[in-house]
Amino acid sequence: MSRIEIEKALNDLNGLVLQGKSLDAFEKYYHNDVSMQENSMAPTIGKKANYDREVEFYGNVTDFRSAQVKGMGVGDDISFVIWHYDFTHKDWGNRNYSQVSVQHWKDGKIIKEKFVYAD
C-alpha cells in the first residue's frame, strides 16, 4: 500500500470517526488479525475481540463532547494520528486528553494499532 493510499484511507477512517461512525470505520479498515494495545497494557488480538472491546467502550460513554484530529503522518505501511478527546465515561468519569494512535498497515487494513496517552 503506497503512502498516498494509506493517507486516503486514514483520512476516510478519521472522517468516519468524527461523524460518530467509529464501528463502521473499524469494520472497513481493520484487519481480521488486528492487534490493538493501550499504552503498556497487553494487546487485544483479533478483529472480533477488538470489535467487542470497542462496543463496550462506546456503550459506557455517557456524554461525548468532542473528538478532534490535531495532526497525522504517513510512512511506509505506518501512520499516526494525534487525537484530542473530551467525553464522560460511566466508570472513568470526565476524560479530556490527547492521544497518539500509531497504525501499522497490511493488505490495505490496519494490522496493529497502539494508543499512547498519559494515564
N, C-alpha and C. Protein backbone atom coordinates (compact mmCIF):
# COMPACT_ATOMS: atom_id res chain seq x y z
N MET A 1 0.85 -1.18 0.00
CA MET A 1 0.00 0.00 0.00
C MET A 1 0.90 1.24 0.00
N SER A 2 0.68 2.14 -0.92
CA SER A 2 1.51 3.33 -1.02
C SER A 2 1.15 4.33 0.08
N ARG A 3 2.03 5.28 0.30
CA ARG A 3 1.77 6.34 1.27
C ARG A 3 0.50 7.11 0.91
N ILE A 4 0.31 7.35 -0.37
CA ILE A 4 -0.89 8.08 -0.83
C ILE A 4 -2.14 7.27 -0.51
N GLU A 5 -2.10 5.96 -0.74
CA GLU A 5 -3.26 5.11 -0.43
C GLU A 5 -3.53 5.06 1.07
N ILE A 6 -2.47 4.98 1.87
CA ILE A 6 -2.64 4.98 3.32
C ILE A 6 -3.24 6.31 3.77
N GLU A 7 -2.72 7.41 3.25
CA GLU A 7 -3.24 8.72 3.64
C GLU A 7 -4.72 8.86 3.27
N LYS A 8 -5.10 8.38 2.10
CA LYS A 8 -6.50 8.44 1.68
C LYS A 8 -7.38 7.60 2.62
N ALA A 9 -6.93 6.39 2.93
CA ALA A 9 -7.69 5.51 3.83
C ALA A 9 -7.77 6.13 5.23
N LEU A 10 -6.66 6.69 5.71
CA LEU A 10 -6.63 7.29 7.04
C LEU A 10 -7.56 8.50 7.12
N ASN A 11 -7.57 9.32 6.09
CA ASN A 11 -8.49 10.46 6.07
C ASN A 11 -9.95 10.00 6.10
N ASP A 12 -10.25 8.94 5.37
CA ASP A 12 -11.61 8.40 5.38
C ASP A 12 -11.95 7.84 6.75
N LEU A 13 -11.03 7.05 7.31
CA LEU A 13 -11.23 6.48 8.64
C LEU A 13 -11.47 7.58 9.67
N ASN A 14 -10.62 8.60 9.69
CA ASN A 14 -10.78 9.71 10.63
C ASN A 14 -12.11 10.42 10.43
N GLY A 15 -12.50 10.61 9.18
CA GLY A 15 -13.78 11.24 8.89
C GLY A 15 -14.95 10.45 9.45
N LEU A 16 -14.89 9.13 9.30
CA LEU A 16 -15.94 8.29 9.86
C LEU A 16 -16.00 8.42 11.39
N VAL A 17 -14.84 8.42 12.04
CA VAL A 17 -14.80 8.58 13.49
C VAL A 17 -15.42 9.92 13.89
N LEU A 18 -15.06 10.98 13.18
CA LEU A 18 -15.58 12.32 13.50
C LEU A 18 -17.09 12.43 13.26
N GLN A 19 -17.63 11.57 12.39
CA GLN A 19 -19.07 11.55 12.13
C GLN A 19 -19.81 10.65 13.12
N GLY A 20 -19.08 10.08 14.08
CA GLY A 20 -19.70 9.17 15.04
C GLY A 20 -19.89 7.76 14.51
N LYS A 21 -19.12 7.41 13.49
CA LYS A 21 -19.24 6.09 12.84
C LYS A 21 -17.97 5.26 13.07
N SER A 22 -17.51 5.25 14.32
CA SER A 22 -16.27 4.53 14.64
C SER A 22 -16.37 3.05 14.34
N LEU A 23 -17.51 2.44 14.61
CA LEU A 23 -17.64 1.00 14.37
C LEU A 23 -17.66 0.69 12.87
N ASP A 24 -18.23 1.60 12.07
CA ASP A 24 -18.18 1.44 10.61
C ASP A 24 -16.74 1.53 10.13
N ALA A 25 -15.99 2.48 10.68
CA ALA A 25 -14.57 2.63 10.33
C ALA A 25 -13.80 1.37 10.70
N PHE A 26 -14.12 0.82 11.86
CA PHE A 26 -13.46 -0.40 12.32
C PHE A 26 -13.73 -1.54 11.35
N GLU A 27 -14.96 -1.73 10.97
CA GLU A 27 -15.31 -2.80 10.03
C GLU A 27 -14.58 -2.64 8.69
N LYS A 28 -14.48 -1.41 8.24
CA LYS A 28 -13.92 -1.14 6.91
C LYS A 28 -12.39 -1.21 6.87
N TYR A 29 -11.72 -0.77 7.94
CA TYR A 29 -10.27 -0.55 7.86
C TYR A 29 -9.41 -1.43 8.77
N TYR A 30 -10.00 -2.34 9.52
CA TYR A 30 -9.19 -3.16 10.42
C TYR A 30 -9.10 -4.60 9.94
N HIS A 31 -7.90 -5.13 9.96
CA HIS A 31 -7.56 -6.47 9.51
C HIS A 31 -8.17 -7.52 10.45
N ASN A 32 -8.48 -8.68 9.94
CA ASN A 32 -9.03 -9.75 10.78
C ASN A 32 -8.09 -10.16 11.91
N ASP A 33 -6.78 -10.01 11.71
CA ASP A 33 -5.79 -10.40 12.70
C ASP A 33 -5.25 -9.21 13.50
N VAL A 34 -6.01 -8.12 13.55
CA VAL A 34 -5.53 -6.89 14.19
C VAL A 34 -5.18 -7.11 15.65
N SER A 35 -4.11 -6.42 16.05
CA SER A 35 -3.67 -6.35 17.44
C SER A 35 -3.79 -4.89 17.86
N MET A 36 -4.51 -4.63 18.96
CA MET A 36 -4.69 -3.26 19.45
C MET A 36 -4.22 -3.20 20.90
N GLN A 37 -3.46 -2.15 21.22
CA GLN A 37 -2.85 -2.05 22.54
C GLN A 37 -3.00 -0.64 23.10
N GLU A 38 -3.38 -0.55 24.37
CA GLU A 38 -3.46 0.71 25.11
C GLU A 38 -2.19 0.84 25.95
N ASN A 39 -1.40 1.88 25.68
CA ASN A 39 -0.15 2.12 26.43
C ASN A 39 0.63 0.82 26.61
N SER A 40 0.98 0.47 27.86
CA SER A 40 1.78 -0.74 28.09
C SER A 40 0.93 -1.95 28.48
N MET A 41 -0.38 -1.84 28.34
CA MET A 41 -1.25 -2.98 28.64
C MET A 41 -1.05 -4.08 27.59
N ALA A 42 -1.46 -5.28 27.92
CA ALA A 42 -1.36 -6.39 26.97
C ALA A 42 -2.27 -6.09 25.77
N PRO A 43 -1.83 -6.41 24.56
CA PRO A 43 -2.67 -6.15 23.39
C PRO A 43 -3.87 -7.09 23.33
N THR A 44 -4.92 -6.61 22.69
CA THR A 44 -6.09 -7.43 22.37
C THR A 44 -5.90 -7.89 20.93
N ILE A 45 -6.03 -9.19 20.69
CA ILE A 45 -5.72 -9.77 19.38
C ILE A 45 -7.01 -10.24 18.70
N GLY A 46 -7.12 -9.92 17.41
CA GLY A 46 -8.23 -10.40 16.60
C GLY A 46 -9.33 -9.36 16.43
N LYS A 47 -9.94 -9.37 15.27
CA LYS A 47 -10.96 -8.37 14.95
C LYS A 47 -12.18 -8.48 15.85
N LYS A 48 -12.66 -9.69 16.09
CA LYS A 48 -13.87 -9.86 16.91
C LYS A 48 -13.64 -9.37 18.33
N ALA A 49 -12.52 -9.75 18.95
CA ALA A 49 -12.22 -9.32 20.32
C ALA A 49 -12.09 -7.80 20.40
N ASN A 50 -11.45 -7.20 19.40
CA ASN A 50 -11.30 -5.74 19.41
C ASN A 50 -12.61 -5.04 19.11
N TYR A 51 -13.42 -5.61 18.23
CA TYR A 51 -14.74 -5.03 17.94
C TYR A 51 -15.58 -5.03 19.22
N ASP A 52 -15.58 -6.16 19.93
CA ASP A 52 -16.34 -6.26 21.18
C ASP A 52 -15.85 -5.24 22.20
N ARG A 53 -14.55 -5.02 22.25
CA ARG A 53 -13.96 -4.04 23.17
C ARG A 53 -14.42 -2.63 22.80
N GLU A 54 -14.47 -2.34 21.51
CA GLU A 54 -14.94 -1.02 21.05
C GLU A 54 -16.41 -0.82 21.41
N VAL A 55 -17.23 -1.84 21.18
CA VAL A 55 -18.66 -1.75 21.50
C VAL A 55 -18.84 -1.48 23.00
N GLU A 56 -18.07 -2.18 23.82
CA GLU A 56 -18.15 -1.98 25.27
C GLU A 56 -17.74 -0.56 25.65
N PHE A 57 -16.64 -0.07 25.05
CA PHE A 57 -16.19 1.29 25.35
C PHE A 57 -17.29 2.30 25.01
N TYR A 58 -17.78 2.27 23.78
CA TYR A 58 -18.79 3.27 23.37
C TYR A 58 -20.08 3.12 24.16
N GLY A 59 -20.40 1.91 24.59
CA GLY A 59 -21.58 1.69 25.41
C GLY A 59 -21.47 2.31 26.79
N ASN A 60 -20.24 2.56 27.24
CA ASN A 60 -20.01 3.15 28.56
C ASN A 60 -19.76 4.65 28.53
N VAL A 61 -19.76 5.25 27.33
CA VAL A 61 -19.61 6.69 27.21
C VAL A 61 -21.00 7.31 27.42
N THR A 62 -21.10 8.15 28.44
CA THR A 62 -22.40 8.76 28.76
C THR A 62 -22.58 10.13 28.14
N ASP A 63 -21.48 10.81 27.82
CA ASP A 63 -21.55 12.13 27.17
C ASP A 63 -20.30 12.30 26.32
N PHE A 64 -20.49 12.34 25.00
CA PHE A 64 -19.36 12.52 24.08
C PHE A 64 -19.41 13.95 23.58
N ARG A 65 -18.47 14.77 24.05
CA ARG A 65 -18.49 16.19 23.72
C ARG A 65 -17.72 16.50 22.44
N SER A 66 -16.54 15.89 22.26
CA SER A 66 -15.80 16.19 21.03
C SER A 66 -14.65 15.23 20.79
N ALA A 67 -14.28 15.16 19.52
CA ALA A 67 -13.06 14.48 19.07
C ALA A 67 -12.48 15.37 17.98
N GLN A 68 -11.17 15.56 18.02
CA GLN A 68 -10.50 16.38 17.02
C GLN A 68 -9.20 15.73 16.59
N VAL A 69 -8.92 15.79 15.29
CA VAL A 69 -7.61 15.38 14.79
C VAL A 69 -6.70 16.60 14.88
N LYS A 70 -5.60 16.44 15.64
CA LYS A 70 -4.65 17.54 15.83
C LYS A 70 -3.45 17.43 14.90
N GLY A 71 -3.24 16.25 14.32
CA GLY A 71 -2.14 16.04 13.40
C GLY A 71 -2.08 14.59 12.97
N MET A 72 -1.39 14.35 11.87
CA MET A 72 -1.21 12.97 11.40
C MET A 72 0.00 12.90 10.49
N GLY A 73 0.48 11.68 10.31
CA GLY A 73 1.61 11.44 9.43
C GLY A 73 1.53 10.05 8.83
N VAL A 74 2.17 9.90 7.68
CA VAL A 74 2.12 8.62 6.95
C VAL A 74 3.52 8.28 6.48
N GLY A 75 3.88 6.99 6.65
CA GLY A 75 5.15 6.47 6.16
C GLY A 75 4.89 5.18 5.40
N ASP A 76 5.91 4.36 5.26
CA ASP A 76 5.78 3.08 4.56
C ASP A 76 5.08 2.08 5.47
N ASP A 77 3.81 1.79 5.17
CA ASP A 77 2.98 0.84 5.92
C ASP A 77 2.79 1.23 7.39
N ILE A 78 2.92 2.52 7.68
CA ILE A 78 2.71 3.01 9.04
C ILE A 78 2.10 4.41 8.99
N SER A 79 1.28 4.71 9.98
CA SER A 79 0.70 6.04 10.09
C SER A 79 0.49 6.36 11.56
N PHE A 80 0.24 7.65 11.83
CA PHE A 80 -0.13 8.03 13.19
C PHE A 80 -1.13 9.17 13.12
N VAL A 81 -1.95 9.26 14.15
CA VAL A 81 -2.91 10.34 14.29
C VAL A 81 -2.82 10.85 15.72
N ILE A 82 -2.76 12.16 15.87
CA ILE A 82 -2.85 12.77 17.19
C ILE A 82 -4.29 13.22 17.37
N TRP A 83 -4.96 12.62 18.33
CA TRP A 83 -6.37 12.90 18.63
C TRP A 83 -6.49 13.68 19.93
N HIS A 84 -7.53 14.51 20.02
CA HIS A 84 -7.93 15.09 21.30
C HIS A 84 -9.38 14.69 21.54
N TYR A 85 -9.64 14.12 22.72
CA TYR A 85 -10.97 13.64 23.08
C TYR A 85 -11.48 14.36 24.32
N ASP A 86 -12.78 14.55 24.36
CA ASP A 86 -13.45 15.10 25.53
C ASP A 86 -14.78 14.36 25.69
N PHE A 87 -14.88 13.53 26.73
CA PHE A 87 -16.09 12.74 26.95
C PHE A 87 -16.21 12.36 28.41
N THR A 88 -17.37 11.84 28.78
CA THR A 88 -17.58 11.28 30.11
C THR A 88 -17.85 9.79 29.96
N HIS A 89 -17.13 9.01 30.75
CA HIS A 89 -17.26 7.56 30.74
C HIS A 89 -17.90 7.12 32.05
N LYS A 90 -18.78 6.15 31.96
CA LYS A 90 -19.51 5.65 33.12
C LYS A 90 -18.58 5.28 34.28
N ASP A 91 -17.47 4.64 33.99
CA ASP A 91 -16.55 4.17 35.04
C ASP A 91 -15.37 5.11 35.29
N TRP A 92 -14.93 5.84 34.28
CA TRP A 92 -13.72 6.65 34.39
C TRP A 92 -13.99 8.13 34.66
N GLY A 93 -15.24 8.56 34.55
CA GLY A 93 -15.58 9.96 34.76
C GLY A 93 -15.22 10.82 33.55
N ASN A 94 -15.02 12.11 33.81
CA ASN A 94 -14.69 13.04 32.73
C ASN A 94 -13.27 12.78 32.22
N ARG A 95 -13.16 12.68 30.90
CA ARG A 95 -11.86 12.47 30.25
C ARG A 95 -11.69 13.57 29.20
N ASN A 96 -10.59 14.31 29.31
CA ASN A 96 -10.28 15.37 28.35
C ASN A 96 -8.77 15.27 28.14
N TYR A 97 -8.35 14.68 27.02
CA TYR A 97 -6.93 14.34 26.85
C TYR A 97 -6.58 14.18 25.37
N SER A 98 -5.29 14.13 25.12
CA SER A 98 -4.78 13.84 23.78
C SER A 98 -4.12 12.47 23.79
N GLN A 99 -4.18 11.80 22.64
CA GLN A 99 -3.51 10.51 22.49
C GLN A 99 -2.94 10.42 21.09
N VAL A 100 -1.90 9.62 20.96
CA VAL A 100 -1.33 9.31 19.66
C VAL A 100 -1.72 7.87 19.33
N SER A 101 -2.30 7.68 18.17
CA SER A 101 -2.65 6.34 17.67
C SER A 101 -1.68 6.02 16.54
N VAL A 102 -0.92 4.94 16.70
CA VAL A 102 0.05 4.52 15.69
C VAL A 102 -0.49 3.26 15.02
N GLN A 103 -0.65 3.32 13.70
CA GLN A 103 -1.22 2.20 12.93
C GLN A 103 -0.17 1.60 11.99
N HIS A 104 -0.12 0.27 11.98
CA HIS A 104 0.69 -0.47 11.02
C HIS A 104 -0.28 -1.12 10.04
N TRP A 105 0.01 -1.01 8.74
CA TRP A 105 -0.91 -1.45 7.69
C TRP A 105 -0.41 -2.72 6.99
N LYS A 106 -1.36 -3.57 6.62
CA LYS A 106 -1.06 -4.78 5.85
C LYS A 106 -2.30 -5.09 5.01
N ASP A 107 -2.09 -5.35 3.73
CA ASP A 107 -3.19 -5.70 2.83
C ASP A 107 -4.29 -4.65 2.82
N GLY A 108 -3.92 -3.37 2.97
CA GLY A 108 -4.90 -2.29 2.91
C GLY A 108 -5.71 -2.09 4.18
N LYS A 109 -5.30 -2.76 5.26
CA LYS A 109 -6.03 -2.68 6.53
C LYS A 109 -5.03 -2.48 7.67
N ILE A 110 -5.54 -2.02 8.80
CA ILE A 110 -4.70 -1.86 9.98
C ILE A 110 -4.53 -3.22 10.64
N ILE A 111 -3.28 -3.66 10.76
CA ILE A 111 -2.96 -4.97 11.36
C ILE A 111 -2.53 -4.78 12.82
N LYS A 112 -2.02 -3.59 13.16
CA LYS A 112 -1.56 -3.34 14.53
C LYS A 112 -1.79 -1.86 14.84
N GLU A 113 -2.33 -1.60 16.03
CA GLU A 113 -2.53 -0.22 16.44
C GLU A 113 -2.20 -0.10 17.92
N LYS A 114 -1.48 0.96 18.25
CA LYS A 114 -1.14 1.24 19.65
C LYS A 114 -1.58 2.67 19.98
N PHE A 115 -2.23 2.79 21.13
CA PHE A 115 -2.70 4.08 21.62
C PHE A 115 -1.80 4.51 22.77
N VAL A 116 -1.22 5.70 22.67
CA VAL A 116 -0.31 6.20 23.68
C VAL A 116 -0.87 7.52 24.24
N TYR A 117 -1.03 7.56 25.56
CA TYR A 117 -1.58 8.74 26.23
C TYR A 117 -1.16 8.71 27.69
N ALA A 118 -1.26 9.85 28.36
CA ALA A 118 -0.94 9.93 29.78
C ALA A 118 -2.02 9.20 30.57
N ASP A 119 -1.60 8.39 31.53
CA ASP A 119 -2.56 7.67 32.37
C ASP A 119 -3.20 8.57 33.39
